[in-house]
Amino acid sequence: MRLQNDSAIVVCIGNELVADDAAGYEVYRRLEPLAARLEYLGVGGFDLLAMLQGEAHLIVVDAVQLGEVPGAVHVIPWQELPEAGPEISVHGVGLREIIEIGRLLFPEKMPEQVTLVGIEGRCFNRTREFMTGAVAGAIDHAVAEVRRLVQGGVHE
């Protein structure tokens, strides 16, 4: 039996101290107030599962490496997330794998809809440095995409 919660949860992932990985944290800071539950998770991974409470829609915001130009903002629905191959997140375990494990272990808590808002990054290995210019310039676009998704918008 699935928990009844028709709301959305937005989970922003990223280490605020590591260059482009701070993108998720910066989106988190700019999203308040938001008409959805808003959470910040520094390093992602399985801790994401503990945050879920049966929301209908999970929106994950994270810096990604999909081979596009830095600063590109990707809005990727569940069915289009890569199933295998290199991780799209820099946090070790991909979003698809986390959700699939969650659906096995905690089916009542898992969202029906999952969307990744990914900000293409370039620099993930320099601590205490600012985001690159392209990534910093993409934050407002990512914030707008999250707000649109929370309001029930469809990606074009």
N, C-alpha and C. Protein backbone atom coordinates (compact mmCIF):
# COMPACT_ATOMS: atom_id res chain seq x y z
N MET A 1 0.84 -1.18 0.00
CA MET A 1 0.00 0.00 0.00
C MET A 1 0.88 1.24 0.00
N ARG A 2 0.58 2.17 -0.91
CA ARG A 2 1.35 3.39 -1.03
C ARG A 2 0.81 4.45 -0.09
N LEU A 3 1.70 5.20 0.54
CA LEU A 3 1.27 6.32 1.38
C LEU A 3 0.57 7.35 0.50
N GLN A 4 -0.42 8.01 1.02
CA GLN A 4 -1.17 9.00 0.25
C GLN A 4 -0.62 10.41 0.51
N ASN A 5 0.14 10.91 -0.40
CA ASN A 5 0.70 12.24 -0.31
C ASN A 5 0.83 12.75 -1.73
N ASP A 6 -0.04 13.66 -2.13
CA ASP A 6 -0.08 14.12 -3.51
C ASP A 6 0.87 15.27 -3.79
N SER A 7 1.69 15.60 -2.84
CA SER A 7 2.59 16.73 -3.01
C SER A 7 3.86 16.33 -3.75
N ALA A 8 4.69 17.31 -3.96
CA ALA A 8 6.01 17.09 -4.56
C ALA A 8 7.07 17.33 -3.50
N ILE A 9 8.20 16.68 -3.69
CA ILE A 9 9.38 16.95 -2.88
C ILE A 9 10.51 17.29 -3.84
N VAL A 10 11.23 18.35 -3.52
CA VAL A 10 12.40 18.75 -4.30
C VAL A 10 13.62 18.51 -3.42
N VAL A 11 14.54 17.69 -3.90
CA VAL A 11 15.77 17.40 -3.17
C VAL A 11 16.94 17.92 -3.99
N CYS A 12 17.64 18.89 -3.43
CA CYS A 12 18.80 19.49 -4.09
C CYS A 12 20.06 18.84 -3.51
N ILE A 13 20.90 18.32 -4.39
CA ILE A 13 22.08 17.58 -3.98
C ILE A 13 23.33 18.33 -4.43
N GLY A 14 24.33 18.38 -3.57
CA GLY A 14 25.60 18.96 -3.99
C GLY A 14 26.40 19.48 -2.82
N ASN A 15 27.69 19.41 -2.96
CA ASN A 15 28.61 19.88 -1.93
C ASN A 15 28.92 21.35 -2.17
N GLU A 16 28.49 22.19 -1.26
CA GLU A 16 28.65 23.63 -1.43
C GLU A 16 30.11 24.09 -1.46
N LEU A 17 31.03 23.21 -1.09
CA LEU A 17 32.45 23.57 -1.04
C LEU A 17 33.25 23.09 -2.24
N VAL A 18 32.60 22.45 -3.22
CA VAL A 18 33.33 21.88 -4.35
C VAL A 18 32.83 22.47 -5.67
N ALA A 19 33.44 23.54 -6.10
CA ALA A 19 33.24 24.15 -7.42
C ALA A 19 31.84 23.90 -7.99
N ASP A 20 31.74 23.24 -9.15
CA ASP A 20 30.46 23.06 -9.83
C ASP A 20 29.50 22.14 -9.09
N ASP A 21 29.99 21.32 -8.18
CA ASP A 21 29.11 20.47 -7.40
C ASP A 21 28.20 21.30 -6.48
N ALA A 22 28.54 22.55 -6.29
CA ALA A 22 27.72 23.45 -5.46
C ALA A 22 26.44 23.89 -6.16
N ALA A 23 26.25 23.51 -7.41
CA ALA A 23 25.07 23.95 -8.16
C ALA A 23 23.77 23.57 -7.45
N GLY A 24 23.66 22.34 -6.99
CA GLY A 24 22.45 21.91 -6.29
C GLY A 24 22.18 22.73 -5.05
N TYR A 25 23.23 23.02 -4.30
CA TYR A 25 23.09 23.83 -3.09
C TYR A 25 22.62 25.24 -3.45
N GLU A 26 23.17 25.81 -4.49
CA GLU A 26 22.79 27.17 -4.88
C GLU A 26 21.34 27.22 -5.35
N VAL A 27 20.89 26.21 -6.07
CA VAL A 27 19.48 26.14 -6.46
C VAL A 27 18.61 26.06 -5.21
N TYR A 28 19.00 25.24 -4.26
CA TYR A 28 18.28 25.12 -2.99
C TYR A 28 18.12 26.49 -2.32
N ARG A 29 19.19 27.25 -2.24
CA ARG A 29 19.14 28.57 -1.59
C ARG A 29 18.17 29.51 -2.30
N ARG A 30 18.08 29.41 -3.60
CA ARG A 30 17.24 30.34 -4.37
C ARG A 30 15.79 29.89 -4.52
N LEU A 31 15.48 28.68 -4.13
CA LEU A 31 14.12 28.17 -4.31
C LEU A 31 13.14 28.60 -3.23
N GLU A 32 13.62 29.04 -2.09
CA GLU A 32 12.70 29.40 -1.01
C GLU A 32 12.06 30.75 -1.31
N PRO A 33 10.76 30.92 -1.11
CA PRO A 33 9.79 29.89 -0.75
C PRO A 33 9.40 29.06 -1.98
N LEU A 34 8.89 27.88 -1.73
CA LEU A 34 8.49 26.96 -2.80
C LEU A 34 7.23 26.23 -2.37
N ALA A 35 6.32 26.01 -3.31
CA ALA A 35 5.06 25.33 -3.01
C ALA A 35 5.24 23.82 -3.04
N ALA A 36 6.29 23.35 -2.43
CA ALA A 36 6.59 21.92 -2.31
C ALA A 36 7.55 21.76 -1.16
N ARG A 37 7.68 20.55 -0.68
CA ARG A 37 8.68 20.28 0.35
C ARG A 37 10.06 20.39 -0.29
N LEU A 38 10.94 21.15 0.35
CA LEU A 38 12.27 21.41 -0.18
C LEU A 38 13.31 20.88 0.79
N GLU A 39 14.23 20.06 0.30
CA GLU A 39 15.27 19.46 1.14
C GLU A 39 16.63 19.63 0.47
N TYR A 40 17.66 19.66 1.30
CA TYR A 40 19.04 19.72 0.81
C TYR A 40 19.77 18.48 1.29
N LEU A 41 20.52 17.87 0.40
CA LEU A 41 21.29 16.67 0.71
C LEU A 41 22.70 16.88 0.17
N GLY A 42 23.66 16.97 1.05
CA GLY A 42 25.02 17.32 0.65
C GLY A 42 25.67 16.37 -0.33
N VAL A 43 25.53 15.08 -0.13
CA VAL A 43 26.26 14.15 -0.99
C VAL A 43 25.38 13.10 -1.66
N GLY A 44 24.11 13.14 -1.53
CA GLY A 44 23.24 12.23 -2.26
C GLY A 44 23.33 10.80 -1.78
N GLY A 45 23.19 9.88 -2.71
CA GLY A 45 23.25 8.47 -2.38
C GLY A 45 21.98 7.99 -1.69
N PHE A 46 22.16 6.96 -0.87
CA PHE A 46 21.01 6.30 -0.26
C PHE A 46 20.29 7.16 0.78
N ASP A 47 20.90 8.23 1.25
CA ASP A 47 20.21 9.13 2.19
C ASP A 47 18.96 9.72 1.57
N LEU A 48 18.90 9.76 0.25
CA LEU A 48 17.71 10.26 -0.44
C LEU A 48 16.48 9.45 -0.05
N LEU A 49 16.62 8.16 0.08
CA LEU A 49 15.47 7.30 0.40
C LEU A 49 14.84 7.65 1.73
N ALA A 50 15.65 8.04 2.70
CA ALA A 50 15.12 8.38 4.03
C ALA A 50 14.26 9.63 4.00
N MET A 51 14.41 10.47 3.00
CA MET A 51 13.64 11.72 2.91
C MET A 51 12.25 11.51 2.34
N LEU A 52 12.04 10.44 1.62
CA LEU A 52 10.78 10.23 0.92
C LEU A 52 9.69 9.77 1.87
N GLN A 53 8.50 10.38 1.70
CA GLN A 53 7.36 10.08 2.57
C GLN A 53 6.10 9.82 1.77
N GLY A 54 6.25 9.30 0.58
CA GLY A 54 5.08 8.98 -0.23
C GLY A 54 4.63 10.11 -1.13
N GLU A 55 5.48 11.08 -1.37
CA GLU A 55 5.12 12.17 -2.28
C GLU A 55 4.85 11.61 -3.68
N ALA A 56 4.00 12.29 -4.42
CA ALA A 56 3.67 11.86 -5.77
C ALA A 56 4.79 12.13 -6.76
N HIS A 57 5.55 13.21 -6.53
CA HIS A 57 6.58 13.63 -7.50
C HIS A 57 7.87 13.96 -6.76
N LEU A 58 8.94 13.32 -7.17
CA LEU A 58 10.28 13.63 -6.67
C LEU A 58 11.02 14.37 -7.76
N ILE A 59 11.51 15.56 -7.41
CA ILE A 59 12.34 16.35 -8.32
C ILE A 59 13.72 16.44 -7.68
N VAL A 60 14.72 15.90 -8.36
CA VAL A 60 16.08 15.92 -7.86
C VAL A 60 16.87 16.95 -8.66
N VAL A 61 17.59 17.82 -7.95
CA VAL A 61 18.44 18.83 -8.59
C VAL A 61 19.87 18.49 -8.25
N ASP A 62 20.72 18.37 -9.27
CA ASP A 62 22.11 17.99 -9.02
C ASP A 62 22.97 18.43 -10.20
N ALA A 63 24.24 18.61 -9.94
CA ALA A 63 25.21 18.80 -11.02
C ALA A 63 25.43 17.45 -11.68
N VAL A 64 25.55 17.45 -13.00
CA VAL A 64 25.69 16.20 -13.74
C VAL A 64 26.83 16.31 -14.76
N GLN A 65 27.21 15.18 -15.29
CA GLN A 65 28.17 15.11 -16.38
C GLN A 65 27.59 14.21 -17.46
N LEU A 66 26.95 14.83 -18.44
CA LEU A 66 26.34 14.10 -19.54
C LEU A 66 27.05 14.37 -20.86
N GLY A 67 28.16 15.08 -20.80
CA GLY A 67 28.93 15.35 -22.01
C GLY A 67 28.46 16.56 -22.80
N GLU A 68 27.58 17.35 -22.24
CA GLU A 68 27.13 18.58 -22.90
C GLU A 68 28.00 19.74 -22.46
N VAL A 69 27.70 20.92 -22.95
CA VAL A 69 28.49 22.10 -22.56
C VAL A 69 28.18 22.46 -21.12
N PRO A 70 29.18 22.88 -20.36
CA PRO A 70 28.93 23.31 -18.98
C PRO A 70 27.87 24.41 -18.93
N GLY A 71 26.96 24.27 -17.98
CA GLY A 71 25.88 25.23 -17.83
C GLY A 71 24.58 24.80 -18.48
N ALA A 72 24.62 23.75 -19.30
CA ALA A 72 23.39 23.25 -19.90
C ALA A 72 22.49 22.71 -18.78
N VAL A 73 21.20 23.01 -18.87
CA VAL A 73 20.25 22.52 -17.88
C VAL A 73 19.41 21.42 -18.53
N HIS A 74 19.43 20.25 -17.92
CA HIS A 74 18.69 19.09 -18.43
C HIS A 74 17.48 18.85 -17.53
N VAL A 75 16.33 18.62 -18.13
CA VAL A 75 15.15 18.18 -17.39
C VAL A 75 14.83 16.79 -17.93
N ILE A 76 15.10 15.78 -17.09
CA ILE A 76 15.03 14.40 -17.56
C ILE A 76 14.00 13.63 -16.75
N PRO A 77 12.90 13.20 -17.38
CA PRO A 77 11.92 12.38 -16.67
C PRO A 77 12.46 10.97 -16.44
N TRP A 78 11.86 10.27 -15.50
CA TRP A 78 12.29 8.94 -15.09
C TRP A 78 12.57 8.03 -16.29
N GLN A 79 11.62 7.95 -17.21
CA GLN A 79 11.74 7.00 -18.31
C GLN A 79 12.90 7.31 -19.25
N GLU A 80 13.49 8.50 -19.15
CA GLU A 80 14.62 8.86 -20.00
C GLU A 80 15.96 8.85 -19.27
N LEU A 81 15.95 8.55 -17.97
CA LEU A 81 17.22 8.46 -17.25
C LEU A 81 18.01 7.28 -17.78
N PRO A 82 19.32 7.44 -17.94
CA PRO A 82 20.13 6.32 -18.43
C PRO A 82 20.01 5.11 -17.50
N GLU A 83 19.86 3.92 -18.11
CA GLU A 83 19.73 2.70 -17.32
C GLU A 83 21.08 2.12 -16.92
N ALA A 84 22.08 2.33 -17.72
CA ALA A 84 23.40 1.76 -17.42
C ALA A 84 24.46 2.67 -18.00
N GLY A 85 25.69 2.34 -17.72
CA GLY A 85 26.79 3.13 -18.24
C GLY A 85 27.31 4.06 -17.18
N PRO A 86 28.02 5.10 -17.59
CA PRO A 86 28.62 6.00 -16.60
C PRO A 86 27.55 6.70 -15.79
N GLU A 87 27.87 6.93 -14.52
CA GLU A 87 26.93 7.62 -13.64
C GLU A 87 26.73 9.04 -14.13
N ILE A 88 25.50 9.52 -14.08
CA ILE A 88 25.25 10.90 -14.47
C ILE A 88 25.47 11.84 -13.30
N SER A 89 25.44 11.30 -12.11
CA SER A 89 25.71 12.09 -10.91
C SER A 89 27.16 11.85 -10.50
N VAL A 90 27.73 12.81 -9.79
CA VAL A 90 29.10 12.64 -9.31
C VAL A 90 29.10 12.09 -7.89
N HIS A 91 27.98 11.57 -7.43
CA HIS A 91 27.87 11.11 -6.04
C HIS A 91 27.93 9.60 -5.91
N GLY A 92 28.46 8.91 -6.91
CA GLY A 92 28.76 7.49 -6.78
C GLY A 92 27.69 6.53 -7.25
N VAL A 93 26.45 6.75 -6.88
CA VAL A 93 25.36 5.87 -7.29
C VAL A 93 24.35 6.72 -8.04
N GLY A 94 23.90 6.22 -9.18
CA GLY A 94 22.98 6.98 -10.00
C GLY A 94 21.58 7.06 -9.42
N LEU A 95 20.86 8.08 -9.82
CA LEU A 95 19.49 8.29 -9.35
C LEU A 95 18.61 7.09 -9.69
N ARG A 96 18.74 6.57 -10.89
CA ARG A 96 17.92 5.43 -11.30
C ARG A 96 18.13 4.24 -10.35
N GLU A 97 19.38 3.95 -10.02
CA GLU A 97 19.66 2.83 -9.14
C GLU A 97 19.07 3.04 -7.75
N ILE A 98 19.19 4.26 -7.23
CA ILE A 98 18.64 4.58 -5.91
C ILE A 98 17.13 4.35 -5.88
N ILE A 99 16.44 4.87 -6.89
CA ILE A 99 14.98 4.75 -6.94
C ILE A 99 14.57 3.29 -7.11
N GLU A 100 15.26 2.55 -7.95
CA GLU A 100 14.91 1.14 -8.14
C GLU A 100 15.08 0.34 -6.85
N ILE A 101 16.15 0.61 -6.12
CA ILE A 101 16.34 -0.06 -4.82
C ILE A 101 15.24 0.35 -3.86
N GLY A 102 14.92 1.65 -3.84
CA GLY A 102 13.84 2.13 -2.98
C GLY A 102 12.50 1.49 -3.30
N ARG A 103 12.22 1.28 -4.57
CA ARG A 103 10.95 0.65 -4.95
C ARG A 103 10.87 -0.80 -4.48
N LEU A 104 12.01 -1.44 -4.37
CA LEU A 104 12.03 -2.81 -3.83
C LEU A 104 11.87 -2.82 -2.31
N LEU A 105 12.57 -1.90 -1.64
CA LEU A 105 12.60 -1.91 -0.17
C LEU A 105 11.45 -1.15 0.48
N PHE A 106 11.05 -0.04 -0.11
CA PHE A 106 10.04 0.85 0.49
C PHE A 106 9.01 1.28 -0.55
N PRO A 107 8.30 0.36 -1.17
CA PRO A 107 7.41 0.75 -2.27
C PRO A 107 6.35 1.77 -1.87
N GLU A 108 5.91 1.74 -0.62
CA GLU A 108 4.86 2.67 -0.17
C GLU A 108 5.36 4.10 -0.06
N LYS A 109 6.65 4.30 0.01
CA LYS A 109 7.21 5.65 0.16
C LYS A 109 7.71 6.25 -1.16
N MET A 110 7.74 5.45 -2.21
CA MET A 110 8.37 5.90 -3.44
C MET A 110 7.42 6.71 -4.31
N PRO A 111 7.94 7.76 -4.94
CA PRO A 111 7.11 8.62 -5.79
C PRO A 111 6.71 7.92 -7.08
N GLU A 112 5.55 8.30 -7.59
CA GLU A 112 5.11 7.78 -8.88
C GLU A 112 5.87 8.44 -10.02
N GLN A 113 6.24 9.69 -9.83
CA GLN A 113 6.92 10.46 -10.86
C GLN A 113 8.27 10.93 -10.32
N VAL A 114 9.32 10.78 -11.14
CA VAL A 114 10.67 11.22 -10.77
C VAL A 114 11.22 12.04 -11.92
N THR A 115 11.77 13.20 -11.60
CA THR A 115 12.38 14.06 -12.61
C THR A 115 13.72 14.55 -12.09
N LEU A 116 14.72 14.51 -12.95
CA LEU A 116 16.03 15.06 -12.63
C LEU A 116 16.19 16.40 -13.33
N VAL A 117 16.52 17.42 -12.56
CA VAL A 117 16.95 18.70 -13.14
C VAL A 117 18.45 18.73 -12.93
N GLY A 118 19.18 18.50 -14.00
CA GLY A 118 20.64 18.42 -13.92
C GLY A 118 21.30 19.62 -14.54
N ILE A 119 22.29 20.15 -13.86
CA ILE A 119 23.08 21.27 -14.38
C ILE A 119 24.43 20.71 -14.78
N GLU A 120 24.73 20.80 -16.06
CA GLU A 120 25.98 20.25 -16.58
C GLU A 120 27.16 21.00 -15.98
N GLY A 121 28.03 20.25 -15.32
CA GLY A 121 29.20 20.84 -14.68
C GLY A 121 30.49 20.44 -15.37
N ARG A 122 31.56 21.07 -14.98
CA ARG A 122 32.87 20.77 -15.53
C ARG A 122 33.89 20.47 -14.45
N CYS A 123 33.87 21.24 -13.36
CA CYS A 123 34.90 21.14 -12.33
C CYS A 123 34.31 20.54 -11.05
N PHE A 124 34.72 19.31 -10.73
CA PHE A 124 34.21 18.62 -9.55
C PHE A 124 35.31 18.19 -8.59
N ASN A 125 36.50 18.71 -8.77
CA ASN A 125 37.61 18.24 -7.94
C ASN A 125 38.36 19.35 -7.22
N ARG A 126 37.82 20.53 -7.19
CA ARG A 126 38.50 21.64 -6.52
C ARG A 126 37.66 22.14 -5.37
N THR A 127 38.17 21.94 -4.17
CA THR A 127 37.44 22.39 -2.99
C THR A 127 37.69 23.87 -2.75
N ARG A 128 36.70 24.47 -2.10
CA ARG A 128 36.75 25.88 -1.72
C ARG A 128 36.92 26.82 -2.92
N GLU A 129 36.46 26.37 -4.07
CA GLU A 129 36.46 27.24 -5.24
C GLU A 129 35.01 27.50 -5.64
N PHE A 130 34.82 28.62 -6.32
CA PHE A 130 33.49 28.98 -6.79
C PHE A 130 33.11 28.14 -8.00
N MET A 131 31.82 28.08 -8.26
CA MET A 131 31.36 27.41 -9.48
C MET A 131 31.96 28.11 -10.68
N THR A 132 32.13 27.36 -11.76
CA THR A 132 32.58 27.99 -13.00
C THR A 132 31.50 28.95 -13.48
N GLY A 133 31.87 29.90 -14.30
CA GLY A 133 30.94 30.93 -14.76
C GLY A 133 29.73 30.37 -15.46
N ALA A 134 29.93 29.36 -16.30
CA ALA A 134 28.81 28.78 -17.05
C ALA A 134 27.79 28.13 -16.12
N VAL A 135 28.27 27.44 -15.10
CA VAL A 135 27.37 26.78 -14.15
C VAL A 135 26.66 27.82 -13.29
N ALA A 136 27.39 28.79 -12.80
CA ALA A 136 26.77 29.85 -12.00
C ALA A 136 25.70 30.57 -12.81
N GLY A 137 25.96 30.77 -14.10
CA GLY A 137 25.00 31.44 -14.96
C GLY A 137 23.76 30.62 -15.26
N ALA A 138 23.80 29.32 -15.00
CA ALA A 138 22.66 28.44 -15.29
C ALA A 138 21.73 28.25 -14.10
N ILE A 139 22.11 28.75 -12.94
CA ILE A 139 21.33 28.49 -11.73
C ILE A 139 19.90 29.04 -11.84
N ASP A 140 19.74 30.26 -12.31
CA ASP A 140 18.39 30.83 -12.42
C ASP A 140 17.51 30.01 -13.36
N HIS A 141 18.09 29.51 -14.45
CA HIS A 141 17.34 28.67 -15.38
C HIS A 141 16.88 27.39 -14.68
N ALA A 142 17.77 26.77 -13.90
CA ALA A 142 17.41 25.55 -13.17
C ALA A 142 16.31 25.84 -12.14
N VAL A 143 16.41 26.96 -11.44
CA VAL A 143 15.38 27.35 -10.47
C VAL A 143 14.03 27.49 -11.18
N ALA A 144 14.02 28.13 -12.34
CA ALA A 144 12.77 28.31 -13.09
C ALA A 144 12.19 26.96 -13.52
N GLU A 145 13.05 26.03 -13.93
CA GLU A 145 12.58 24.70 -14.33
C GLU A 145 11.95 23.96 -13.14
N VAL A 146 12.57 24.05 -11.98
CA VAL A 146 12.02 23.39 -10.79
C VAL A 146 10.66 23.99 -10.45
N ARG A 147 10.56 25.31 -10.44
CA ARG A 147 9.27 25.95 -10.13
C ARG A 147 8.19 25.52 -11.12
N ARG A 148 8.54 25.43 -12.39
CA ARG A 148 7.59 25.00 -13.41
C ARG A 148 7.13 23.56 -13.15
N LEU A 149 8.07 22.69 -12.80
CA LEU A 149 7.72 21.30 -12.51
C LEU A 149 6.81 21.20 -11.29
N VAL A 150 7.09 21.97 -10.26
CA VAL A 150 6.27 21.96 -9.04
C VAL A 150 4.85 22.41 -9.36
N GLN A 151 4.71 23.35 -10.28
CA GLN A 151 3.39 23.84 -10.66
C GLN A 151 2.70 22.92 -11.66
N GLY A 152 3.35 21.82 -12.01
CA GLY A 152 2.73 20.84 -12.90
C GLY A 152 3.00 21.07 -14.36
N GLY A 153 4.03 21.85 -14.67
CA GLY A 153 4.36 22.13 -16.06
C GLY A 153 4.96 20.94 -16.76
N VAL A 154 4.84 20.93 -18.06
CA VAL A 154 5.40 19.86 -18.89
C VAL A 154 6.60 20.41 -19.63
N HIS A 155 7.68 19.65 -19.64
CA HIS A 155 8.89 20.09 -20.34
C HIS A 155 8.67 20.04 -21.83
N GLU A 156 9.09 21.10 -22.50
CA GLU A 156 8.92 21.16 -23.96
C GLU A 156 10.13 20.61 -24.66
